Amino acid sequence: MYGTINREKLENKLENQCGYTLIEVLEEEEYREGHLPGAINIPLADIGKEVKDELDTEREIIVYCADEDCGASPAAAEKLDKFGFKNVYDYEGGKKDWVEAGNRVMTED
């Protein structure tokens, strides 16, 4: 069963660069417009069995989407859980919570 993570704990992880993989599960266009530092982009629709071959099932995985009303990150966390990932967390506040706290996002040109 996946868990949740709040902004403060995520900020701490980013600051300390603890061993985790941060995944934005929104579409590529939304990712390119702005994503959390260090995040990779795997849209919800692309999270499947092949992800298991690309990512370590033992590594901590943190997923996020737009905001707490967005259902993409909980769905992604559930999928990852079903594929055998053991340390999955959903950052429920998503990009909205991150930006509203004054944190920066990265853009792709």
PDB file of N, CA and C in Angstrom:
ATOM      1  N   MET A   1       0.849  -1.183   0.000  1.00  0.00           N
ATOM      2  CA  MET A   1       0.000   0.000   0.000  1.00  0.00           C
ATOM      3  C   MET A   1       0.894   1.246   0.000  1.00  0.00           C
ATOM      4  N   TYR A   2       0.578   2.161  -0.878  1.00  0.00           N
ATOM      5  CA  TYR A   2       1.381   3.387  -0.958  1.00  0.00           C
ATOM      6  C   TYR A   2       0.999   4.356   0.152  1.00  0.00           C
ATOM      7  N   GLY A   3       1.897   5.286   0.443  1.00  0.00           N
ATOM      8  CA  GLY A   3       1.666   6.295   1.464  1.00  0.00           C
ATOM      9  C   GLY A   3       1.600   7.677   0.842  1.00  0.00           C
ATOM     10  N   THR A   4       1.587   8.676   1.685  1.00  0.00           N
ATOM     11  CA  THR A   4       1.583  10.063   1.217  1.00  0.00           C
ATOM     12  C   THR A   4       2.777  10.789   1.829  1.00  0.00           C
ATOM     13  N   ILE A   5       3.137  11.894   1.208  1.00  0.00           N
ATOM     14  CA  ILE A   5       4.219  12.721   1.710  1.00  0.00           C
ATOM     15  C   ILE A   5       3.776  14.177   1.615  1.00  0.00           C
ATOM     16  N   ASN A   6       4.128  14.972   2.609  1.00  0.00           N
ATOM     17  CA  ASN A   6       3.739  16.387   2.569  1.00  0.00           C
ATOM     18  C   ASN A   6       4.891  17.226   2.004  1.00  0.00           C
ATOM     19  N   ARG A   7       4.609  18.485   1.753  1.00  0.00           N
ATOM     20  CA  ARG A   7       5.589  19.379   1.132  1.00  0.00           C
ATOM     21  C   ARG A   7       6.856  19.515   1.977  1.00  0.00           C
ATOM     22  N   GLU A   8       6.712  19.658   3.278  1.00  0.00           N
ATOM     23  CA  GLU A   8       7.870  19.848   4.140  1.00  0.00           C
ATOM     24  C   GLU A   8       8.835  18.665   4.046  1.00  0.00           C
ATOM     25  N   LYS A   9       8.300  17.461   4.077  1.00  0.00           N
ATOM     26  CA  LYS A   9       9.159  16.273   3.978  1.00  0.00           C
ATOM     27  C   LYS A   9       9.798  16.181   2.595  1.00  0.00           C
ATOM     28  N   LEU A  10       9.048  16.557   1.567  1.00  0.00           N
ATOM     29  CA  LEU A  10       9.598  16.534   0.213  1.00  0.00           C
ATOM     30  C   LEU A  10      10.701  17.582   0.062  1.00  0.00           C
ATOM     31  N   GLU A  11      10.470  18.769   0.603  1.00  0.00           N
ATOM     32  CA  GLU A  11      11.503  19.816   0.562  1.00  0.00           C
ATOM     33  C   GLU A  11      12.788  19.319   1.220  1.00  0.00           C
ATOM     34  N   ASN A  12      12.643  18.642   2.345  1.00  0.00           N
ATOM     35  CA  ASN A  12      13.794  18.097   3.064  1.00  0.00           C
ATOM     36  C   ASN A  12      14.525  17.070   2.201  1.00  0.00           C
ATOM     37  N   LYS A  13      13.792  16.203   1.544  1.00  0.00           N
ATOM     38  CA  LYS A  13      14.415  15.200   0.674  1.00  0.00           C
ATOM     39  C   LYS A  13      15.168  15.862  -0.468  1.00  0.00           C
ATOM     40  N   LEU A  14      14.560  16.867  -1.096  1.00  0.00           N
ATOM     41  CA  LEU A  14      15.220  17.561  -2.197  1.00  0.00           C
ATOM     42  C   LEU A  14      16.486  18.257  -1.708  1.00  0.00           C
ATOM     43  N   GLU A  15      16.386  18.871  -0.547  1.00  0.00           N
ATOM     44  CA  GLU A  15      17.536  19.584   0.020  1.00  0.00           C
ATOM     45  C   GLU A  15      18.684  18.634   0.332  1.00  0.00           C
ATOM     46  N   ASN A  16      18.361  17.473   0.862  1.00  0.00           N
ATOM     47  CA  ASN A  16      19.383  16.501   1.270  1.00  0.00           C
ATOM     48  C   ASN A  16      19.704  15.478   0.192  1.00  0.00           C
ATOM     49  N   GLN A  17      18.989  15.546  -0.916  1.00  0.00           N
ATOM     50  CA  GLN A  17      19.173  14.633  -2.038  1.00  0.00           C
ATOM     51  C   GLN A  17      19.204  13.179  -1.587  1.00  0.00           C
ATOM     52  N   CYS A  18      18.225  12.828  -0.769  1.00  0.00           N
ATOM     53  CA  CYS A  18      18.105  11.452  -0.303  1.00  0.00           C
ATOM     54  C   CYS A  18      17.781  10.542  -1.492  1.00  0.00           C
ATOM     55  N   GLY A  19      18.017   9.268  -1.364  1.00  0.00           N
ATOM     56  CA  GLY A  19      17.799   8.318  -2.451  1.00  0.00           C
ATOM     57  C   GLY A  19      16.332   8.097  -2.775  1.00  0.00           C
ATOM     58  N   TYR A  20      15.849   8.756  -3.798  1.00  0.00           N
ATOM     59  CA  TYR A  20      14.462   8.635  -4.219  1.00  0.00           C
ATOM     60  C   TYR A  20      14.380   8.968  -5.702  1.00  0.00           C
ATOM     61  N   THR A  21      13.255   8.642  -6.306  1.00  0.00           N
ATOM     62  CA  THR A  21      12.947   9.062  -7.671  1.00  0.00           C
ATOM     63  C   THR A  21      11.655   9.853  -7.606  1.00  0.00           C
ATOM     64  N   LEU A  22      11.676  11.071  -8.124  1.00  0.00           N
ATOM     65  CA  LEU A  22      10.521  11.959  -8.131  1.00  0.00           C
ATOM     66  C   LEU A  22       9.926  11.954  -9.536  1.00  0.00           C
ATOM     67  N   ILE A  23       8.633  11.643  -9.632  1.00  0.00           N
ATOM     68  CA  ILE A  23       7.985  11.498 -10.930  1.00  0.00           C
ATOM     69  C   ILE A  23       6.758  12.390 -11.033  1.00  0.00           C
ATOM     70  N   GLU A  24       6.745  13.255 -12.062  1.00  0.00           N
ATOM     71  CA  GLU A  24       5.528  13.991 -12.402  1.00  0.00           C
ATOM     72  C   GLU A  24       4.737  13.109 -13.358  1.00  0.00           C
ATOM     73  N   VAL A  25       3.473  12.868 -13.029  1.00  0.00           N
ATOM     74  CA  VAL A  25       2.662  11.942 -13.829  1.00  0.00           C
ATOM     75  C   VAL A  25       1.691  12.663 -14.769  1.00  0.00           C
ATOM     76  N   LEU A  26       1.885  13.964 -14.933  1.00  0.00           N
ATOM     77  CA  LEU A  26       1.072  14.724 -15.888  1.00  0.00           C
ATOM     78  C   LEU A  26       1.651  14.541 -17.292  1.00  0.00           C
ATOM     79  N   GLU A  27       0.937  15.031 -18.289  1.00  0.00           N
ATOM     80  CA  GLU A  27       1.390  14.912 -19.675  1.00  0.00           C
ATOM     81  C   GLU A  27       2.659  15.713 -19.903  1.00  0.00           C
ATOM     82  N   GLU A  28       3.408  15.357 -20.943  1.00  0.00           N
ATOM     83  CA  GLU A  28       4.706  15.974 -21.218  1.00  0.00           C
ATOM     84  C   GLU A  28       4.619  17.494 -21.343  1.00  0.00           C
ATOM     85  N   GLU A  29       3.574  18.002 -21.972  1.00  0.00           N
ATOM     86  CA  GLU A  29       3.439  19.457 -22.150  1.00  0.00           C
ATOM     87  C   GLU A  29       3.380  20.166 -20.803  1.00  0.00           C
ATOM     88  N   GLU A  30       2.617  19.607 -19.867  1.00  0.00           N
ATOM     89  CA  GLU A  30       2.511  20.202 -18.534  1.00  0.00           C
ATOM     90  C   GLU A  30       3.839  20.105 -17.788  1.00  0.00           C
ATOM     91  N   TYR A  31       4.538  19.018 -17.969  1.00  0.00           N
ATOM     92  CA  TYR A  31       5.857  18.841 -17.354  1.00  0.00           C
ATOM     93  C   TYR A  31       6.824  19.899 -17.880  1.00  0.00           C
ATOM     94  N   ARG A  32       6.822  20.100 -19.196  1.00  0.00           N
ATOM     95  CA  ARG A  32       7.739  21.061 -19.817  1.00  0.00           C
ATOM     96  C   ARG A  32       7.464  22.491 -19.349  1.00  0.00           C
ATOM     97  N   GLU A  33       6.203  22.796 -19.049  1.00  0.00           N
ATOM     98  CA  GLU A  33       5.834  24.145 -18.594  1.00  0.00           C
ATOM     99  C   GLU A  33       6.341  24.431 -17.193  1.00  0.00           C
ATOM    100  N   GLY A  34       6.587  23.406 -16.419  1.00  0.00           N
ATOM    101  CA  GLY A  34       7.104  23.586 -15.063  1.00  0.00           C
ATOM    102  C   GLY A  34       6.970  22.323 -14.244  1.00  0.00           C
ATOM    103  N   HIS A  35       8.083  21.881 -13.667  1.00  0.00           N
ATOM    104  CA  HIS A  35       8.077  20.685 -12.830  1.00  0.00           C
ATOM    105  C   HIS A  35       8.994  20.897 -11.628  1.00  0.00           C
ATOM    106  N   LEU A  36       8.807  20.089 -10.619  1.00  0.00           N
ATOM    107  CA  LEU A  36       9.626  20.178  -9.422  1.00  0.00           C
ATOM    108  C   LEU A  36      11.079  19.830  -9.762  1.00  0.00           C
ATOM    109  N   PRO A  37      12.034  20.465  -9.099  1.00  0.00           N
ATOM    110  CA  PRO A  37      13.450  20.181  -9.369  1.00  0.00           C
ATOM    111  C   PRO A  37      13.765  18.697  -9.197  1.00  0.00           C
ATOM    112  N   GLY A  38      14.448  18.151 -10.191  1.00  0.00           N
ATOM    113  CA  GLY A  38      14.858  16.750 -10.133  1.00  0.00           C
ATOM    114  C   GLY A  38      13.815  15.749 -10.593  1.00  0.00           C
ATOM    115  N   ALA A  39      12.623  16.224 -10.923  1.00  0.00           N
ATOM    116  CA  ALA A  39      11.554  15.309 -11.329  1.00  0.00           C
ATOM    117  C   ALA A  39      11.774  14.807 -12.752  1.00  0.00           C
ATOM    118  N   ILE A  40      11.382  13.564 -12.969  1.00  0.00           N
ATOM    119  CA  ILE A  40      11.310  13.021 -14.315  1.00  0.00           C
ATOM    120  C   ILE A  40       9.838  12.967 -14.693  1.00  0.00           C
ATOM    121  N   ASN A  41       9.562  12.781 -15.975  1.00  0.00           N
ATOM    122  CA  ASN A  41       8.181  12.760 -16.440  1.00  0.00           C
ATOM    123  C   ASN A  41       7.810  11.378 -16.954  1.00  0.00           C
ATOM    124  N   ILE A  42       6.848  10.766 -16.294  1.00  0.00           N
ATOM    125  CA  ILE A  42       6.240   9.534 -16.791  1.00  0.00           C
ATOM    126  C   ILE A  42       4.737   9.743 -16.656  1.00  0.00           C
ATOM    127  N   PRO A  43       4.056  10.115 -17.755  1.00  0.00           N
ATOM    128  CA  PRO A  43       2.615  10.336 -17.679  1.00  0.00           C
ATOM    129  C   PRO A  43       1.883   9.095 -17.157  1.00  0.00           C
ATOM    130  N   LEU A  44       0.781   9.334 -16.482  1.00  0.00           N
ATOM    131  CA  LEU A  44      -0.002   8.247 -15.885  1.00  0.00           C
ATOM    132  C   LEU A  44      -0.248   7.122 -16.883  1.00  0.00           C
ATOM    133  N   ALA A  45      -0.631   7.467 -18.107  1.00  0.00           N
ATOM    134  CA  ALA A  45      -0.942   6.454 -19.113  1.00  0.00           C
ATOM    135  C   ALA A  45       0.262   5.584 -19.461  1.00  0.00           C
ATOM    136  N   ASP A  46       1.466   6.088 -19.213  1.00  0.00           N
ATOM    137  CA  ASP A  46       2.681   5.350 -19.553  1.00  0.00           C
ATOM    138  C   ASP A  46       3.218   4.505 -18.404  1.00  0.00           C
ATOM    139  N   ILE A  47       2.587   4.581 -17.259  1.00  0.00           N
ATOM    140  CA  ILE A  47       3.052   3.768 -16.132  1.00  0.00           C
ATOM    141  C   ILE A  47       2.468   2.374 -16.299  1.00  0.00           C
ATOM    142  N   GLY A  48       3.362   1.460 -16.655  1.00  0.00           N
ATOM    143  CA  GLY A  48       2.967   0.081 -16.886  1.00  0.00           C
ATOM    144  C   GLY A  48       4.082  -0.852 -16.463  1.00  0.00           C
ATOM    145  N   LYS A  49       3.979  -2.086 -16.891  1.00  0.00           N
ATOM    146  CA  LYS A  49       4.968  -3.085 -16.495  1.00  0.00           C
ATOM    147  C   LYS A  49       6.381  -2.717 -16.920  1.00  0.00           C
ATOM    148  N   GLU A  50       6.514  -1.985 -18.050  1.00  0.00           N
ATOM    149  CA  GLU A  50       7.857  -1.619 -18.512  1.00  0.00           C
ATOM    150  C   GLU A  50       8.577  -0.702 -17.517  1.00  0.00           C
ATOM    151  N   VAL A  51       7.819   0.054 -16.729  1.00  0.00           N
ATOM    152  CA  VAL A  51       8.430   0.927 -15.721  1.00  0.00           C
ATOM    153  C   VAL A  51       9.194   0.079 -14.699  1.00  0.00           C
ATOM    154  N   LYS A  52       8.691  -1.097 -14.448  1.00  0.00           N
ATOM    155  CA  LYS A  52       9.349  -1.993 -13.494  1.00  0.00           C
ATOM    156  C   LYS A  52      10.763  -2.339 -13.962  1.00  0.00           C
ATOM    157  N   ASP A  53      10.972  -2.399 -15.273  1.00  0.00           N
ATOM    158  CA  ASP A  53      12.301  -2.689 -15.811  1.00  0.00           C
ATOM    159  C   ASP A  53      13.211  -1.460 -15.759  1.00  0.00           C
ATOM    160  N   GLU A  54      12.628  -0.275 -15.746  1.00  0.00           N
ATOM    161  CA  GLU A  54      13.394   0.969 -15.785  1.00  0.00           C
ATOM    162  C   GLU A  54      13.753   1.497 -14.395  1.00  0.00           C
ATOM    163  N   LEU A  55      12.918   1.221 -13.404  1.00  0.00           N
ATOM    164  CA  LEU A  55      13.120   1.762 -12.056  1.00  0.00           C
ATOM    165  C   LEU A  55      13.314   0.645 -11.042  1.00  0.00           C
ATOM    166  N   ASP A  56      14.072   0.929 -10.021  1.00  0.00           N
ATOM    167  CA  ASP A  56      14.337  -0.024  -8.952  1.00  0.00           C
ATOM    168  C   ASP A  56      13.103  -0.132  -8.054  1.00  0.00           C
ATOM    169  N   THR A  57      12.572  -1.332  -7.919  1.00  0.00           N
ATOM    170  CA  THR A  57      11.358  -1.529  -7.114  1.00  0.00           C
ATOM    171  C   THR A  57      11.608  -1.296  -5.625  1.00  0.00           C
ATOM    172  N   GLU A  58      12.864  -1.300  -5.204  1.00  0.00           N
ATOM    173  CA  GLU A  58      13.198  -1.068  -3.796  1.00  0.00           C
ATOM    174  C   GLU A  58      13.406   0.416  -3.493  1.00  0.00           C
ATOM    175  N   ARG A  59      13.674   1.210  -4.513  1.00  0.00           N
ATOM    176  CA  ARG A  59      13.964   2.640  -4.335  1.00  0.00           C
ATOM    177  C   ARG A  59      12.677   3.392  -3.979  1.00  0.00           C
ATOM    178  N   GLU A  60      12.810   4.430  -3.185  1.00  0.00           N
ATOM    179  CA  GLU A  60      11.662   5.257  -2.834  1.00  0.00           C
ATOM    180  C   GLU A  60      11.201   6.031  -4.070  1.00  0.00           C
ATOM    181  N   ILE A  61       9.919   5.937  -4.371  1.00  0.00           N
ATOM    182  CA  ILE A  61       9.324   6.618  -5.516  1.00  0.00           C
ATOM    183  C   ILE A  61       8.295   7.614  -4.983  1.00  0.00           C
ATOM    184  N   ILE A  62       8.410   8.874  -5.431  1.00  0.00           N
ATOM    185  CA  ILE A  62       7.440   9.907  -5.054  1.00  0.00           C
ATOM    186  C   ILE A  62       6.787  10.401  -6.333  1.00  0.00           C
ATOM    187  N   VAL A  63       5.465  10.317  -6.383  1.00  0.00           N
ATOM    188  CA  VAL A  63       4.719  10.780  -7.550  1.00  0.00           C
ATOM    189  C   VAL A  63       3.903  12.014  -7.176  1.00  0.00           C
ATOM    190  N   TYR A  64       3.667  12.874  -8.173  1.00  0.00           N
ATOM    191  CA  TYR A  64       2.826  14.045  -7.945  1.00  0.00           C
ATOM    192  C   TYR A  64       2.169  14.448  -9.251  1.00  0.00           C
ATOM    193  N   CYS A  65       1.110  15.260  -9.123  1.00  0.00           N
ATOM    194  CA  CYS A  65       0.430  15.805 -10.295  1.00  0.00           C
ATOM    195  C   CYS A  65       0.144  17.286 -10.039  1.00  0.00           C
ATOM    196  N   ALA A  66      -0.999  17.771 -10.487  1.00  0.00           N
ATOM    197  CA  ALA A  66      -1.283  19.211 -10.443  1.00  0.00           C
ATOM    198  C   ALA A  66      -1.608  19.727  -9.045  1.00  0.00           C
ATOM    199  N   ASP A  67      -2.538  19.071  -8.367  1.00  0.00           N
ATOM    200  CA  ASP A  67      -2.989  19.535  -7.058  1.00  0.00           C
ATOM    201  C   ASP A  67      -3.727  18.409  -6.347  1.00  0.00           C
ATOM    202  N   GLU A  68      -4.265  18.707  -5.178  1.00  0.00           N
ATOM    203  CA  GLU A  68      -4.918  17.641  -4.401  1.00  0.00           C
ATOM    204  C   GLU A  68      -6.205  17.140  -5.029  1.00  0.00           C
ATOM    205  N   ASP A  69      -6.784  17.887  -5.966  1.00  0.00           N
ATOM    206  CA  ASP A  69      -7.990  17.430  -6.655  1.00  0.00           C
ATOM    207  C   ASP A  69      -7.680  16.573  -7.871  1.00  0.00           C
ATOM    208  N   CYS A  70      -6.435  16.562  -8.282  1.00  0.00           N
ATOM    209  CA  CYS A  70      -5.997  15.782  -9.443  1.00  0.00           C
ATOM    210  C   CYS A  70      -5.895  14.312  -9.026  1.00  0.00           C
ATOM    211  N   GLY A  71      -6.477  13.451  -9.795  1.00  0.00           N
ATOM    212  CA  GLY A  71      -6.458  12.028  -9.449  1.00  0.00           C
ATOM    213  C   GLY A  71      -5.324  11.238 -10.066  1.00  0.00           C
ATOM    214  N   ALA A  72      -4.455  11.913 -10.837  1.00  0.00           N
ATOM    215  CA  ALA A  72      -3.402  11.190 -11.555  1.00  0.00           C
ATOM    216  C   ALA A  72      -2.351  10.587 -10.628  1.00  0.00           C
ATOM    217  N   SER A  73      -1.899  11.333  -9.628  1.00  0.00           N
ATOM    218  CA  SER A  73      -0.829  10.791  -8.775  1.00  0.00           C
ATOM    219  C   SER A  73      -1.306   9.644  -7.877  1.00  0.00           C
ATOM    220  N   PRO A  74      -2.513   9.715  -7.291  1.00  0.00           N
ATOM    221  CA  PRO A  74      -2.949   8.540  -6.524  1.00  0.00           C
ATOM    222  C   PRO A  74      -3.112   7.309  -7.421  1.00  0.00           C
ATOM    223  N   ALA A  75      -3.587   7.525  -8.651  1.00  0.00           N
ATOM    224  CA  ALA A  75      -3.735   6.405  -9.589  1.00  0.00           C
ATOM    225  C   ALA A  75      -2.373   5.831  -9.956  1.00  0.00           C
ATOM    226  N   ALA A  76      -1.384   6.716 -10.156  1.00  0.00           N
ATOM    227  CA  ALA A  76      -0.028   6.262 -10.474  1.00  0.00           C
ATOM    228  C   ALA A  76       0.572   5.493  -9.305  1.00  0.00           C
ATOM    229  N   ALA A  77       0.378   6.012  -8.095  1.00  0.00           N
ATOM    230  CA  ALA A  77       0.905   5.343  -6.901  1.00  0.00           C
ATOM    231  C   ALA A  77       0.295   3.950  -6.760  1.00  0.00           C
ATOM    232  N   GLU A  78      -0.988   3.847  -7.023  1.00  0.00           N
ATOM    233  CA  GLU A  78      -1.672   2.555  -6.941  1.00  0.00           C
ATOM    234  C   GLU A  78      -1.117   1.585  -7.987  1.00  0.00           C
ATOM    235  N   LYS A  79      -0.905   2.079  -9.208  1.00  0.00           N
ATOM    236  CA  LYS A  79      -0.337   1.236 -10.262  1.00  0.00           C
ATOM    237  C   LYS A  79       1.051   0.740  -9.876  1.00  0.00           C
ATOM    238  N   LEU A  80       1.894   1.653  -9.399  1.00  0.00           N
ATOM    239  CA  LEU A  80       3.249   1.271  -9.007  1.00  0.00           C
ATOM    240  C   LEU A  80       3.231   0.249  -7.881  1.00  0.00           C
ATOM    241  N   ASP A  81       2.323   0.434  -6.953  1.00  0.00           N
ATOM    242  CA  ASP A  81       2.154  -0.505  -5.849  1.00  0.00           C
ATOM    243  C   ASP A  81       1.816  -1.896  -6.394  1.00  0.00           C
ATOM    244  N   LYS A  82       0.914  -1.948  -7.349  1.00  0.00           N
ATOM    245  CA  LYS A  82       0.504  -3.232  -7.943  1.00  0.00           C
ATOM    246  C   LYS A  82       1.638  -3.894  -8.720  1.00  0.00           C
ATOM    247  N   PHE A  83       2.560  -3.088  -9.269  1.00  0.00           N
ATOM    248  CA  PHE A  83       3.681  -3.637 -10.010  1.00  0.00           C
ATOM    249  C   PHE A  83       4.846  -4.029  -9.110  1.00  0.00           C
ATOM    250  N   GLY A  84       4.656  -3.953  -7.799  1.00  0.00           N
ATOM    251  CA  GLY A  84       5.647  -4.457  -6.867  1.00  0.00           C
ATOM    252  C   GLY A  84       6.606  -3.436  -6.291  1.00  0.00           C
ATOM    253  N   PHE A  85       6.367  -2.152  -6.531  1.00  0.00           N
ATOM    254  CA  PHE A  85       7.214  -1.128  -5.914  1.00  0.00           C
ATOM    255  C   PHE A  85       6.851  -1.048  -4.436  1.00  0.00           C
ATOM    256  N   LYS A  86       7.863  -1.056  -3.600  1.00  0.00           N
ATOM    257  CA  LYS A  86       7.626  -1.191  -2.160  1.00  0.00           C
ATOM    258  C   LYS A  86       7.574   0.120  -1.390  1.00  0.00           C
ATOM    259  N   ASN A  87       8.154   1.193  -1.934  1.00  0.00           N
ATOM    260  CA  ASN A  87       8.234   2.467  -1.220  1.00  0.00           C
ATOM    261  C   ASN A  87       7.686   3.594  -2.077  1.00  0.00           C
ATOM    262  N   VAL A  88       6.381   3.614  -2.251  1.00  0.00           N
ATOM    263  CA  VAL A  88       5.732   4.603  -3.117  1.00  0.00           C
ATOM    264  C   VAL A  88       4.968   5.607  -2.258  1.00  0.00           C
ATOM    265  N   TYR A  89       5.161   6.905  -2.608  1.00  0.00           N
ATOM    266  CA  TYR A  89       4.493   7.979  -1.885  1.00  0.00           C
ATOM    267  C   TYR A  89       3.868   8.957  -2.865  1.00  0.00           C
ATOM    268  N   ASP A  90       2.707   9.445  -2.515  1.00  0.00           N
ATOM    269  CA  ASP A  90       1.991  10.433  -3.314  1.00  0.00           C
ATOM    270  C   ASP A  90       2.112  11.796  -2.630  1.00  0.00           C
ATOM    271  N   TYR A  91       2.668  12.765  -3.361  1.00  0.00           N
ATOM    272  CA  TYR A  91       2.693  14.144  -2.869  1.00  0.00           C
ATOM    273  C   TYR A  91       1.366  14.757  -3.308  1.00  0.00           C
ATOM    274  N   GLU A  92       0.390  14.691  -2.422  1.00  0.00           N
ATOM    275  CA  GLU A  92      -0.991  15.060  -2.743  1.00  0.00           C
ATOM    276  C   GLU A  92      -1.166  16.519  -3.144  1.00  0.00           C
ATOM    277  N   GLY A  93      -0.392  17.412  -2.558  1.00  0.00           N
ATOM    278  CA  GLY A  93      -0.529  18.835  -2.869  1.00  0.00           C
ATOM    279  C   GLY A  93      -0.107  19.187  -4.281  1.00  0.00           C
ATOM    280  N   GLY A  94       0.796  18.420  -4.834  1.00  0.00           N
ATOM    281  CA  GLY A  94       1.243  18.598  -6.204  1.00  0.00           C
ATOM    282  C   GLY A  94       1.885  19.948  -6.484  1.00  0.00           C
ATOM    283  N   LYS A  95       1.942  20.256  -7.774  1.00  0.00           N
ATOM    284  CA  LYS A  95       2.601  21.499  -8.196  1.00  0.00           C
ATOM    285  C   LYS A  95       1.974  22.740  -7.591  1.00  0.00           C
ATOM    286  N   LYS A  96       0.666  22.744  -7.444  1.00  0.00           N
ATOM    287  CA  LYS A  96      -0.007  23.920  -6.897  1.00  0.00           C
ATOM    288  C   LYS A  96       0.503  24.218  -5.488  1.00  0.00           C
ATOM    289  N   ASP A  97       0.535  23.221  -4.640  1.00  0.00           N
ATOM    290  CA  ASP A  97       1.017  23.390  -3.267  1.00  0.00           C
ATOM    291  C   ASP A  97       2.478  23.827  -3.265  1.00  0.00           C
ATOM    292  N   TRP A  98       3.267  23.249  -4.129  1.00  0.00           N
ATOM    293  CA  TRP A  98       4.699  23.560  -4.225  1.00  0.00           C
ATOM    294  C   TRP A  98       4.906  25.035  -4.564  1.00  0.00           C
ATOM    295  N   VAL A  99       4.217  25.501  -5.612  1.00  0.00           N
ATOM    296  CA  VAL A  99       4.364  26.883  -6.081  1.00  0.00           C
ATOM    297  C   VAL A  99       3.789  27.875  -5.074  1.00  0.00           C
ATOM    298  N   GLU A 100       2.640  27.556  -4.496  1.00  0.00           N
ATOM    299  CA  GLU A 100       2.019  28.455  -3.518  1.00  0.00           C
ATOM    300  C   GLU A 100       2.900  28.651  -2.283  1.00  0.00           C
ATOM    301  N   ALA A 101       3.779  27.702  -2.006  1.00  0.00           N
ATOM    302  CA  ALA A 101       4.701  27.823  -0.869  1.00  0.00           C
ATOM    303  C   ALA A 101       5.936  28.654  -1.242  1.00  0.00           C
ATOM    304  N   GLY A 102       5.984  29.125  -2.483  1.00  0.00           N
ATOM    305  CA  GLY A 102       7.100  29.956  -2.915  1.00  0.00           C
ATOM    306  C   GLY A 102       8.268  29.186  -3.482  1.00  0.00           C
ATOM    307  N   ASN A 103       8.100  27.911  -3.716  1.00  0.00           N
ATOM    308  CA  ASN A 103       9.175  27.104  -4.285  1.00  0.00           C
ATOM    309  C   ASN A 103       9.208  27.259  -5.806  1.00  0.00           C
ATOM    310  N   ARG A 104      10.388  27.057  -6.354  1.00  0.00           N
ATOM    311  CA  ARG A 104      10.539  27.223  -7.796  1.00  0.00           C
ATOM    312  C   ARG A 104      10.229  25.921  -8.535  1.00  0.00           C
ATOM    313  N   VAL A 105       9.892  26.076  -9.796  1.00  0.00           N
ATOM    314  CA  VAL A 105       9.739  24.934 -10.688  1.00  0.00           C
ATOM    315  C   VAL A 105      10.729  25.107 -11.832  1.00  0.00           C
ATOM    316  N   MET A 106      11.072  24.027 -12.454  1.00  0.00           N
ATOM    317  CA  MET A 106      12.009  24.005 -13.568  1.00  0.00           C
ATOM    318  C   MET A 106      11.193  23.950 -14.866  1.00  0.00           C
ATOM    319  N   THR A 107      11.703  24.563 -15.923  1.00  0.00           N
ATOM    320  CA  THR A 107      11.025  24.504 -17.212  1.00  0.00           C
ATOM    321  C   THR A 107      11.944  23.895 -18.249  1.00  0.00           C
ATOM    322  N   GLU A 108      11.347  23.352 -19.281  1.00  0.00           N
ATOM    323  CA  GLU A 108      12.085  22.788 -20.407  1.00  0.00           C
ATOM    324  C   GLU A 108      11.865  23.710 -21.589  1.00  0.00           C
ATOM    325  N   ASP A 109      12.920  24.146 -22.210  1.00  0.00           N
ATOM    326  CA  ASP A 109      12.797  25.037 -23.367  1.00  0.00           C
ATOM    327  C   ASP A 109      12.567  24.245 -24.627  1.00  0.00           C
TER     328      ASP A 109
END
